[in-house]
């Protein structure tokens, strides 16, 4: 394996772990707040996080609603039944789980 291929593999793994971590945060927030969801300010969202949230939304693991709170425009993310099953089945940590 070349150095370039190893770097790509690490980048892919980092992105998968980022998606899993964000999904797990939304899962935990859902149950800790009785389903209120996780609010993330749009202007302060890291671009890589924004792509990860979009990916999770495209997979229908989370729902997204744009809201206005006291701090400004925000996205409110809530986990779906599909996302809950994904977390509770122990998925997301293995290679290929996000396919």
N, C-alpha and C. Protein backbone atom coordinates (compact mmCIF):
# COMPACT_ATOMS: atom_id res chain seq x y z
N UNK A 1 0.85 -1.18 0.00
CA UNK A 1 0.00 0.00 0.00
C UNK A 1 0.89 1.24 0.00
N UNK A 2 0.57 2.17 -0.85
CA UNK A 2 1.36 3.39 -0.93
C UNK A 2 1.02 4.33 0.21
N UNK A 3 1.89 5.30 0.39
CA UNK A 3 1.67 6.32 1.43
C UNK A 3 0.36 7.07 1.16
N UNK A 4 0.10 7.37 -0.11
CA UNK A 4 -1.13 8.08 -0.48
C UNK A 4 -2.37 7.25 -0.14
N UNK A 5 -2.32 5.97 -0.42
CA UNK A 5 -3.45 5.08 -0.11
C UNK A 5 -3.68 4.98 1.40
N UNK A 6 -2.59 4.94 2.15
CA UNK A 6 -2.71 4.89 3.61
C UNK A 6 -3.34 6.17 4.14
N UNK A 7 -2.94 7.32 3.59
CA UNK A 7 -3.53 8.60 4.01
C UNK A 7 -5.02 8.64 3.69
N UNK A 8 -5.40 8.19 2.51
CA UNK A 8 -6.82 8.17 2.14
C UNK A 8 -7.61 7.27 3.09
N UNK A 9 -7.04 6.13 3.41
CA UNK A 9 -7.71 5.20 4.31
C UNK A 9 -7.94 5.83 5.68
N UNK A 10 -6.92 6.56 6.16
CA UNK A 10 -7.06 7.26 7.45
C UNK A 10 -8.13 8.34 7.39
N UNK A 11 -8.17 9.07 6.28
CA UNK A 11 -9.18 10.13 6.11
C UNK A 11 -10.57 9.51 6.13
N UNK A 12 -10.77 8.42 5.40
CA UNK A 12 -12.07 7.75 5.37
C UNK A 12 -12.48 7.29 6.76
N UNK A 13 -11.55 6.70 7.48
CA UNK A 13 -11.84 6.21 8.83
C UNK A 13 -12.18 7.36 9.78
N UNK A 14 -11.43 8.47 9.66
CA UNK A 14 -11.72 9.65 10.48
C UNK A 14 -13.12 10.18 10.20
N UNK A 15 -13.51 10.21 8.93
CA UNK A 15 -14.84 10.69 8.57
C UNK A 15 -15.93 9.77 9.10
N UNK A 16 -15.69 8.47 9.02
CA UNK A 16 -16.66 7.52 9.56
C UNK A 16 -16.81 7.70 11.07
N UNK A 17 -15.69 7.87 11.76
CA UNK A 17 -15.74 8.06 13.21
C UNK A 17 -16.44 9.37 13.57
N UNK A 18 -16.21 10.41 12.78
CA UNK A 18 -16.89 11.71 13.01
C UNK A 18 -18.39 11.52 12.89
N UNK A 19 -18.84 10.83 11.84
CA UNK A 19 -20.28 10.60 11.66
C UNK A 19 -20.85 9.80 12.82
N UNK A 20 -20.12 8.78 13.25
CA UNK A 20 -20.59 7.97 14.37
C UNK A 20 -20.69 8.81 15.64
N UNK A 21 -19.66 9.61 15.90
CA UNK A 21 -19.66 10.45 17.11
C UNK A 21 -20.82 11.44 17.10
N UNK A 22 -21.07 12.08 15.96
CA UNK A 22 -22.18 13.03 15.88
C UNK A 22 -23.52 12.32 16.06
N UNK A 23 -23.67 11.16 15.44
CA UNK A 23 -24.91 10.41 15.59
C UNK A 23 -25.11 9.99 17.04
N UNK A 24 -24.05 9.55 17.68
CA UNK A 24 -24.12 9.13 19.09
C UNK A 24 -24.51 10.32 19.98
N UNK A 25 -23.95 11.52 19.69
CA UNK A 25 -24.32 12.72 20.45
C UNK A 25 -25.81 13.03 20.29
N UNK A 26 -26.30 12.93 19.07
CA UNK A 26 -27.72 13.21 18.81
C UNK A 26 -28.59 12.16 19.50
N UNK A 27 -28.16 10.92 19.48
CA UNK A 27 -28.86 9.83 20.18
C UNK A 27 -28.93 10.13 21.67
N UNK A 28 -27.78 10.45 22.28
CA UNK A 28 -27.75 10.74 23.72
C UNK A 28 -28.60 11.95 24.06
N UNK A 29 -28.50 13.00 23.28
CA UNK A 29 -29.28 14.22 23.52
C UNK A 29 -30.76 13.93 23.44
N UNK A 30 -31.16 13.12 22.49
CA UNK A 30 -32.57 12.76 22.31
C UNK A 30 -33.15 12.19 23.59
N UNK A 31 -32.43 11.24 24.18
CA UNK A 31 -32.95 10.59 25.39
C UNK A 31 -32.75 11.43 26.64
N UNK A 32 -31.71 12.25 26.68
CA UNK A 32 -31.46 13.10 27.84
C UNK A 32 -32.41 14.30 27.91
N UNK A 33 -32.98 14.70 26.77
CA UNK A 33 -33.86 15.88 26.73
C UNK A 33 -35.30 15.52 26.39
N UNK A 34 -35.66 14.25 26.55
CA UNK A 34 -37.01 13.79 26.23
C UNK A 34 -37.41 14.13 24.80
N UNK A 35 -36.48 13.93 23.87
CA UNK A 35 -36.77 14.08 22.45
C UNK A 35 -36.65 15.47 21.88
N UNK A 36 -36.09 16.41 22.62
CA UNK A 36 -36.01 17.79 22.12
C UNK A 36 -34.99 17.97 21.00
N UNK A 37 -33.97 17.15 20.93
CA UNK A 37 -32.99 17.24 19.86
C UNK A 37 -31.80 18.11 20.21
N UNK A 38 -30.80 18.03 19.36
CA UNK A 38 -29.54 18.77 19.54
C UNK A 38 -29.55 19.99 18.64
N UNK A 39 -29.36 21.17 19.24
CA UNK A 39 -29.32 22.41 18.47
C UNK A 39 -27.88 22.79 18.18
N UNK A 40 -27.62 23.12 16.92
CA UNK A 40 -26.28 23.50 16.48
C UNK A 40 -26.40 24.81 15.70
N UNK A 41 -25.68 25.84 16.15
CA UNK A 41 -25.71 27.12 15.44
C UNK A 41 -25.14 26.95 14.05
N UNK A 42 -25.86 27.44 13.06
CA UNK A 42 -25.46 27.27 11.67
C UNK A 42 -24.13 27.98 11.40
N UNK A 43 -23.99 29.22 11.88
CA UNK A 43 -22.79 30.01 11.60
C UNK A 43 -21.52 29.45 12.24
N UNK A 44 -21.67 28.66 13.29
CA UNK A 44 -20.49 28.16 13.98
C UNK A 44 -20.22 26.68 13.69
N UNK A 45 -20.93 26.10 12.74
CA UNK A 45 -20.74 24.70 12.42
C UNK A 45 -19.50 24.50 11.57
N UNK A 46 -18.63 23.61 12.00
CA UNK A 46 -17.45 23.25 11.23
C UNK A 46 -17.91 22.66 9.89
N UNK A 47 -17.28 23.04 8.78
CA UNK A 47 -17.71 22.54 7.46
C UNK A 47 -17.71 21.01 7.36
N UNK A 48 -16.74 20.35 7.97
CA UNK A 48 -16.73 18.88 7.94
C UNK A 48 -17.89 18.30 8.75
N UNK A 49 -18.24 18.96 9.86
CA UNK A 49 -19.40 18.53 10.65
C UNK A 49 -20.67 18.71 9.84
N UNK A 50 -20.78 19.83 9.14
CA UNK A 50 -21.97 20.09 8.32
C UNK A 50 -22.14 19.00 7.27
N UNK A 51 -21.06 18.58 6.66
CA UNK A 51 -21.14 17.49 5.67
C UNK A 51 -21.54 16.18 6.34
N UNK A 52 -21.03 15.93 7.53
CA UNK A 52 -21.38 14.71 8.25
C UNK A 52 -22.87 14.71 8.63
N UNK A 53 -23.38 15.85 9.12
CA UNK A 53 -24.81 15.94 9.45
C UNK A 53 -25.66 15.70 8.20
N UNK A 54 -25.25 16.28 7.08
CA UNK A 54 -25.99 16.11 5.83
C UNK A 54 -26.00 14.65 5.42
N UNK A 55 -24.88 13.98 5.54
CA UNK A 55 -24.78 12.57 5.21
C UNK A 55 -25.73 11.74 6.08
N UNK A 56 -25.72 12.01 7.39
CA UNK A 56 -26.60 11.28 8.30
C UNK A 56 -28.06 11.55 7.99
N UNK A 57 -28.35 12.78 7.56
CA UNK A 57 -29.72 13.12 7.17
C UNK A 57 -30.10 12.39 5.88
N UNK A 58 -29.19 12.33 4.92
CA UNK A 58 -29.45 11.61 3.67
C UNK A 58 -29.70 10.12 3.91
N UNK A 59 -29.04 9.55 4.91
CA UNK A 59 -29.26 8.14 5.26
C UNK A 59 -30.54 7.94 6.07
N UNK A 60 -31.19 9.05 6.42
CA UNK A 60 -32.42 9.03 7.23
C UNK A 60 -32.16 8.53 8.65
N UNK A 61 -30.93 8.77 9.16
CA UNK A 61 -30.61 8.45 10.54
C UNK A 61 -30.99 9.59 11.46
N UNK A 62 -31.05 10.82 10.91
CA UNK A 62 -31.44 11.99 11.69
C UNK A 62 -32.40 12.84 10.87
N UNK A 63 -33.15 13.65 11.59
CA UNK A 63 -33.97 14.67 10.96
C UNK A 63 -33.40 16.03 11.30
N UNK A 64 -33.64 17.00 10.44
CA UNK A 64 -33.11 18.34 10.66
C UNK A 64 -34.22 19.35 10.48
N UNK A 65 -34.31 20.26 11.43
CA UNK A 65 -35.29 21.36 11.36
C UNK A 65 -34.53 22.65 11.63
N UNK A 66 -34.70 23.64 10.75
CA UNK A 66 -34.06 24.93 10.99
C UNK A 66 -34.93 25.74 11.93
N UNK A 67 -34.29 26.31 12.94
CA UNK A 67 -35.00 27.10 13.95
C UNK A 67 -34.22 28.38 14.22
N UNK A 68 -34.87 29.29 14.90
CA UNK A 68 -34.23 30.51 15.39
C UNK A 68 -34.26 30.44 16.91
N UNK A 69 -33.08 30.55 17.52
CA UNK A 69 -33.05 30.61 18.98
C UNK A 69 -32.42 31.93 19.38
N UNK A 70 -32.20 32.14 20.65
CA UNK A 70 -31.68 33.42 21.13
C UNK A 70 -30.29 33.73 20.58
N UNK A 71 -29.55 32.71 20.19
CA UNK A 71 -28.19 32.91 19.67
C UNK A 71 -28.15 33.09 18.16
N UNK A 72 -29.25 32.82 17.47
CA UNK A 72 -29.29 32.96 16.01
C UNK A 72 -29.91 31.75 15.35
N UNK A 73 -29.65 31.61 14.05
CA UNK A 73 -30.19 30.48 13.30
C UNK A 73 -29.46 29.20 13.69
N UNK A 74 -30.25 28.16 13.86
CA UNK A 74 -29.69 26.88 14.27
C UNK A 74 -30.38 25.75 13.53
N UNK A 75 -29.72 24.63 13.47
CA UNK A 75 -30.33 23.39 13.02
C UNK A 75 -30.61 22.56 14.26
N UNK A 76 -31.81 22.01 14.32
CA UNK A 76 -32.14 21.10 15.42
C UNK A 76 -32.17 19.69 14.83
N UNK A 77 -31.27 18.87 15.33
CA UNK A 77 -31.15 17.50 14.84
C UNK A 77 -31.80 16.54 15.83
N UNK A 78 -32.63 15.66 15.31
CA UNK A 78 -33.22 14.61 16.14
C UNK A 78 -32.97 13.27 15.46
N UNK A 79 -32.79 12.27 16.26
CA UNK A 79 -32.51 10.94 15.73
C UNK A 79 -33.82 10.29 15.30
N UNK A 80 -33.75 9.48 14.27
CA UNK A 80 -34.92 8.76 13.78
C UNK A 80 -34.88 7.33 14.33
N UNK A 81 -35.96 6.60 14.11
CA UNK A 81 -36.00 5.19 14.53
C UNK A 81 -34.87 4.41 13.86
N UNK A 82 -34.61 4.71 12.61
CA UNK A 82 -33.52 4.05 11.87
C UNK A 82 -32.16 4.35 12.53
N UNK A 83 -31.96 5.59 12.96
CA UNK A 83 -30.72 5.97 13.63
C UNK A 83 -30.59 5.31 14.99
N UNK A 84 -31.69 5.23 15.72
CA UNK A 84 -31.68 4.57 17.03
C UNK A 84 -31.29 3.10 16.86
N UNK A 85 -31.91 2.43 15.90
CA UNK A 85 -31.58 1.02 15.66
C UNK A 85 -30.11 0.85 15.30
N UNK A 86 -29.59 1.76 14.48
CA UNK A 86 -28.19 1.71 14.06
C UNK A 86 -27.27 1.76 15.28
N UNK A 87 -27.53 2.70 16.18
CA UNK A 87 -26.71 2.83 17.40
C UNK A 87 -26.88 1.62 18.30
N UNK A 88 -28.11 1.22 18.55
CA UNK A 88 -28.38 0.16 19.51
C UNK A 88 -27.95 -1.21 19.01
N UNK A 89 -27.81 -1.37 17.71
CA UNK A 89 -27.31 -2.63 17.16
C UNK A 89 -25.78 -2.68 17.18
N UNK A 90 -25.14 -1.60 17.70
CA UNK A 90 -23.69 -1.58 17.80
C UNK A 90 -23.00 -1.30 16.49
N UNK A 91 -23.73 -0.74 15.56
CA UNK A 91 -23.14 -0.45 14.25
C UNK A 91 -22.48 0.92 14.28
N UNK A 92 -21.74 1.22 13.22
CA UNK A 92 -21.08 2.51 13.10
C UNK A 92 -19.61 2.47 13.45
N UNK A 93 -19.18 1.42 14.10
CA UNK A 93 -17.79 1.33 14.50
C UNK A 93 -16.98 0.44 13.57
N UNK A 94 -17.69 -0.33 12.76
CA UNK A 94 -16.99 -1.27 11.87
C UNK A 94 -16.90 -0.71 10.46
N UNK A 95 -15.92 -1.17 9.75
CA UNK A 95 -15.74 -0.78 8.36
C UNK A 95 -16.98 -1.18 7.56
N UNK A 96 -17.49 -0.27 6.77
CA UNK A 96 -18.64 -0.56 5.92
C UNK A 96 -20.00 -0.36 6.56
N UNK A 97 -20.03 0.02 7.84
CA UNK A 97 -21.32 0.20 8.51
C UNK A 97 -22.14 1.34 7.94
N UNK A 98 -21.50 2.33 7.33
CA UNK A 98 -22.24 3.47 6.80
C UNK A 98 -22.58 3.31 5.33
N UNK A 99 -22.71 2.08 4.87
CA UNK A 99 -23.04 1.87 3.46
C UNK A 99 -24.44 1.36 3.33
